[in-house]
Amino acid sequence: MKVAQLEPVGGHGGMDYYDFGLCQGLSEAGVDVVLHTCDETVSPQDTVFPCRFDYKNIASSEKFVGGFRYR
């Protein structure tokens, strides 16, 4: 089974801990998983699954502007 986890928020609000834990668990269960996240997320060194930093410049101090940057 292949799974793509899409998470444009990335490391904001602790979502990175959830994302990496979920992807790690799925990977250890034999699932082929890829995490797609924003460019501000810091990937741990010991991940056994690939991380792609597809979402660029999403974080903004103004939520309105950040929403328009989402692509």
N, C-alpha and C. Protein backbone atom coordinates (compact mmCIF):
# COMPACT_ATOMS: atom_id res chain seq x y z
N MET A 1 0.85 -1.17 0.00
CA MET A 1 0.00 0.00 0.00
C MET A 1 0.90 1.24 0.00
N LYS A 2 0.50 2.23 -0.74
CA LYS A 2 1.22 3.50 -0.78
C LYS A 2 0.36 4.60 -0.16
N VAL A 3 0.99 5.44 0.67
CA VAL A 3 0.29 6.53 1.34
C VAL A 3 1.10 7.81 1.17
N ALA A 4 0.42 8.89 0.83
CA ALA A 4 1.04 10.22 0.78
C ALA A 4 0.38 11.06 1.87
N GLN A 5 1.16 11.48 2.84
CA GLN A 5 0.66 12.36 3.90
C GLN A 5 0.93 13.79 3.47
N LEU A 6 -0.13 14.59 3.31
CA LEU A 6 -0.01 15.99 2.91
C LEU A 6 -0.20 16.87 4.14
N GLU A 7 0.81 17.65 4.46
CA GLU A 7 0.76 18.51 5.64
C GLU A 7 1.42 19.84 5.33
N PRO A 8 0.66 20.82 4.81
CA PRO A 8 1.26 22.10 4.46
C PRO A 8 1.64 22.95 5.67
N VAL A 9 1.09 22.67 6.85
CA VAL A 9 1.40 23.47 8.04
C VAL A 9 2.79 23.17 8.55
N GLY A 10 3.19 21.92 8.49
CA GLY A 10 4.53 21.53 8.89
C GLY A 10 4.77 21.61 10.38
N GLY A 11 5.86 22.27 10.78
CA GLY A 11 6.29 22.30 12.16
C GLY A 11 5.58 23.29 13.05
N HIS A 12 4.49 23.85 12.64
CA HIS A 12 3.77 24.82 13.45
C HIS A 12 2.77 24.12 14.36
N GLY A 13 2.75 24.51 15.62
CA GLY A 13 1.78 23.99 16.57
C GLY A 13 1.98 22.53 16.94
N GLY A 14 3.18 22.00 16.75
CA GLY A 14 3.45 20.62 17.11
C GLY A 14 3.00 19.60 16.10
N MET A 15 2.53 20.05 14.95
CA MET A 15 2.06 19.12 13.94
C MET A 15 3.18 18.22 13.42
N ASP A 16 4.41 18.71 13.45
CA ASP A 16 5.52 17.90 12.96
C ASP A 16 5.69 16.63 13.79
N TYR A 17 5.51 16.70 15.10
CA TYR A 17 5.63 15.51 15.94
C TYR A 17 4.57 14.48 15.57
N TYR A 18 3.37 14.94 15.35
CA TYR A 18 2.28 14.05 14.94
C TYR A 18 2.58 13.43 13.57
N ASP A 19 2.98 14.27 12.62
CA ASP A 19 3.24 13.81 11.25
C ASP A 19 4.34 12.76 11.21
N PHE A 20 5.46 13.07 11.88
CA PHE A 20 6.58 12.13 11.85
C PHE A 20 6.24 10.84 12.58
N GLY A 21 5.50 10.92 13.68
CA GLY A 21 5.09 9.72 14.40
C GLY A 21 4.15 8.85 13.58
N LEU A 22 3.20 9.48 12.92
CA LEU A 22 2.25 8.75 12.08
C LEU A 22 2.96 8.08 10.91
N CYS A 23 3.80 8.83 10.23
CA CYS A 23 4.52 8.27 9.09
C CYS A 23 5.49 7.17 9.52
N GLN A 24 6.13 7.34 10.66
CA GLN A 24 7.05 6.33 11.18
C GLN A 24 6.28 5.04 11.48
N GLY A 25 5.13 5.15 12.15
CA GLY A 25 4.32 3.98 12.46
C GLY A 25 3.83 3.26 11.23
N LEU A 26 3.36 4.03 10.25
CA LEU A 26 2.90 3.42 9.00
C LEU A 26 4.05 2.71 8.29
N SER A 27 5.21 3.34 8.27
CA SER A 27 6.37 2.77 7.62
C SER A 27 6.79 1.46 8.29
N GLU A 28 6.79 1.45 9.62
CA GLU A 28 7.15 0.24 10.35
C GLU A 28 6.12 -0.88 10.17
N ALA A 29 4.90 -0.52 9.79
CA ALA A 29 3.85 -1.51 9.53
C ALA A 29 3.90 -2.02 8.08
N GLY A 30 4.90 -1.57 7.32
CA GLY A 30 5.06 -2.07 5.96
C GLY A 30 4.41 -1.22 4.89
N VAL A 31 3.93 -0.03 5.24
CA VAL A 31 3.31 0.86 4.28
C VAL A 31 4.38 1.73 3.63
N ASP A 32 4.29 1.91 2.34
CA ASP A 32 5.19 2.81 1.60
C ASP A 32 4.63 4.22 1.73
N VAL A 33 5.25 5.04 2.59
CA VAL A 33 4.69 6.36 2.92
C VAL A 33 5.68 7.47 2.54
N VAL A 34 5.13 8.60 2.09
CA VAL A 34 5.91 9.80 1.78
C VAL A 34 5.21 10.98 2.46
N LEU A 35 5.98 11.80 3.16
CA LEU A 35 5.43 12.99 3.82
C LEU A 35 5.71 14.20 2.94
N HIS A 36 4.65 14.91 2.56
CA HIS A 36 4.76 16.16 1.80
C HIS A 36 4.45 17.28 2.78
N THR A 37 5.40 18.16 3.03
CA THR A 37 5.24 19.19 4.04
C THR A 37 5.83 20.51 3.55
N CYS A 38 5.82 21.52 4.43
CA CYS A 38 6.33 22.84 4.03
C CYS A 38 7.83 22.94 4.24
N ASP A 39 8.42 23.95 3.65
CA ASP A 39 9.86 24.12 3.67
C ASP A 39 10.41 24.56 5.04
N GLU A 40 9.54 24.88 5.99
CA GLU A 40 10.01 25.28 7.32
C GLU A 40 10.06 24.11 8.29
N THR A 41 9.64 22.95 7.87
CA THR A 41 9.68 21.76 8.72
C THR A 41 11.10 21.23 8.78
N VAL A 42 11.53 20.88 9.98
CA VAL A 42 12.86 20.29 10.17
C VAL A 42 12.67 18.79 10.30
N SER A 43 13.24 18.06 9.36
CA SER A 43 13.10 16.61 9.35
C SER A 43 14.13 15.97 10.27
N PRO A 44 13.70 15.04 11.13
CA PRO A 44 14.66 14.32 11.97
C PRO A 44 15.62 13.50 11.12
N GLN A 45 16.81 13.27 11.64
CA GLN A 45 17.84 12.53 10.90
C GLN A 45 17.49 11.06 10.71
N ASP A 46 16.71 10.49 11.61
CA ASP A 46 16.51 9.04 11.62
C ASP A 46 15.19 8.57 10.97
N THR A 47 14.64 9.36 10.08
CA THR A 47 13.39 8.93 9.43
C THR A 47 13.67 7.80 8.45
N VAL A 48 12.76 6.85 8.38
CA VAL A 48 12.90 5.73 7.45
C VAL A 48 11.96 5.90 6.26
N PHE A 49 11.41 7.09 6.13
CA PHE A 49 10.51 7.39 5.02
C PHE A 49 10.95 8.72 4.41
N PRO A 50 10.69 8.93 3.12
CA PRO A 50 11.11 10.18 2.49
C PRO A 50 10.20 11.36 2.87
N CYS A 51 10.81 12.53 2.98
CA CYS A 51 10.09 13.79 3.21
C CYS A 51 10.31 14.68 2.00
N ARG A 52 9.24 15.22 1.48
CA ARG A 52 9.33 16.17 0.37
C ARG A 52 8.81 17.51 0.86
N PHE A 53 9.55 18.54 0.60
CA PHE A 53 9.22 19.89 1.07
C PHE A 53 8.61 20.67 -0.09
N ASP A 54 7.39 20.30 -0.45
CA ASP A 54 6.70 20.83 -1.62
C ASP A 54 6.04 22.19 -1.40
N TYR A 55 5.65 22.48 -0.17
CA TYR A 55 4.93 23.72 0.11
C TYR A 55 5.93 24.79 0.52
N LYS A 56 6.01 25.85 -0.24
CA LYS A 56 7.02 26.89 -0.03
C LYS A 56 6.39 28.18 0.48
N ASN A 57 7.06 28.81 1.44
CA ASN A 57 6.69 30.14 1.96
C ASN A 57 5.24 30.23 2.42
N ILE A 58 4.76 29.21 3.10
CA ILE A 58 3.37 29.23 3.55
C ILE A 58 3.22 30.03 4.83
N ALA A 59 4.19 29.91 5.73
CA ALA A 59 4.08 30.60 7.02
C ALA A 59 4.14 32.11 6.83
N SER A 60 3.26 32.79 7.50
CA SER A 60 3.21 34.25 7.45
C SER A 60 2.63 34.74 8.76
N SER A 61 3.03 35.92 9.16
CA SER A 61 2.46 36.50 10.37
C SER A 61 1.00 36.89 10.15
N GLU A 62 0.63 37.09 8.90
CA GLU A 62 -0.74 37.42 8.55
C GLU A 62 -1.41 36.19 7.95
N LYS A 63 -2.43 35.67 8.61
CA LYS A 63 -3.08 34.45 8.15
C LYS A 63 -3.68 34.61 6.76
N PHE A 64 -4.16 35.79 6.45
CA PHE A 64 -4.76 36.04 5.15
C PHE A 64 -3.74 35.85 4.03
N VAL A 65 -2.53 36.38 4.23
CA VAL A 65 -1.46 36.25 3.23
C VAL A 65 -1.02 34.80 3.12
N GLY A 66 -0.89 34.11 4.26
CA GLY A 66 -0.48 32.72 4.24
C GLY A 66 -1.44 31.85 3.45
N GLY A 67 -2.72 32.14 3.50
CA GLY A 67 -3.71 31.38 2.76
C GLY A 67 -3.54 31.54 1.26
N PHE A 68 -3.14 32.73 0.81
CA PHE A 68 -2.91 32.92 -0.61
C PHE A 68 -1.62 32.29 -1.10
N ARG A 69 -0.67 32.10 -0.19
CA ARG A 69 0.60 31.47 -0.57
C ARG A 69 0.46 29.98 -0.72
N TYR A 70 -0.60 29.40 -0.15
CA TYR A 70 -0.83 27.96 -0.23
C TYR A 70 -1.06 27.57 -1.68
N ARG A 71 -0.29 26.64 -2.17
CA ARG A 71 -0.48 26.20 -3.55
C ARG A 71 -0.44 24.71 -3.63
